[in-house]
Protein backbone atom coordinates (compact mmCIF):
# COMPACT_ATOMS: atom_id res chain seq x y z
CA MET A 1 -1.23 -44.80 11.52
CA ALA A 2 -4.47 -44.30 9.63
CA SER A 3 -6.41 -47.20 8.26
CA ASN A 4 -8.35 -47.32 5.01
CA CYS A 5 -10.86 -49.68 6.57
CA SER A 6 -14.42 -48.44 6.61
CA ILE A 7 -17.24 -49.92 8.60
CA ASP A 8 -20.74 -49.40 7.30
CA PHE A 9 -23.27 -48.96 10.07
CA ASP A 10 -26.24 -46.73 10.70
CA PRO A 11 -26.11 -45.05 14.11
CA TYR A 12 -29.87 -44.48 14.01
CA GLU A 13 -30.45 -48.19 13.47
CA LEU A 14 -27.98 -49.03 16.21
CA LEU A 15 -29.95 -46.89 18.67
CA ASP A 16 -33.32 -47.94 17.19
CA LEU A 17 -34.17 -44.37 16.15
CA LYS A 18 -35.49 -42.63 13.05
CA PRO A 19 -33.33 -39.98 11.33
CA GLU A 20 -36.02 -37.39 12.14
CA CYS A 21 -35.59 -37.83 15.90
CA THR A 22 -34.69 -34.96 18.20
CA ASP A 23 -31.37 -34.42 19.94
CA MET A 24 -32.94 -35.34 23.27
CA GLN A 25 -34.20 -38.64 21.84
CA ILE A 26 -30.67 -39.43 20.66
CA VAL A 27 -29.22 -38.63 24.09
CA LYS A 28 -31.84 -40.76 25.85
CA ALA A 29 -31.32 -43.72 23.49
CA PHE A 30 -27.53 -43.47 23.84
CA ARG A 31 -27.67 -43.45 27.63
CA LYS A 32 -30.05 -46.42 27.62
CA ALA A 33 -27.71 -48.38 25.32
CA ALA A 34 -24.67 -47.38 27.39
CA LEU A 35 -26.26 -48.81 30.52
CA LYS A 36 -27.31 -51.94 28.68
CA TRP A 37 -23.84 -52.70 27.33
CA HIS A 38 -21.58 -51.29 30.08
CA PRO A 39 -19.44 -54.12 31.57
CA ASP A 40 -20.01 -52.90 35.14
CA LYS A 41 -23.76 -53.13 34.63
CA ASN A 42 -23.59 -56.47 32.79
CA PRO A 43 -21.29 -58.90 34.59
CA SER A 44 -22.53 -61.76 32.41
CA ARG A 45 -21.10 -60.12 29.28
CA LYS A 46 -17.48 -59.80 30.37
CA GLN A 47 -14.74 -60.08 27.78
CA THR A 48 -12.74 -63.28 27.74
C-alpha cells in the first residue's frame, strides 16, 4: 500500500557533501556514515 507521505531531506546535507561532489566522494561519505550508525559497530545506540 503506497503512502502519500513525503519526507523532505537533502541527502547531500545528510552526508555533509556539496551537490558538486564526485561519485567517489559520495561512496566514501556513505560508507563512513554506515559504519558510524551501524548497530553492530555502535552497541551504545541499540534500539529499545
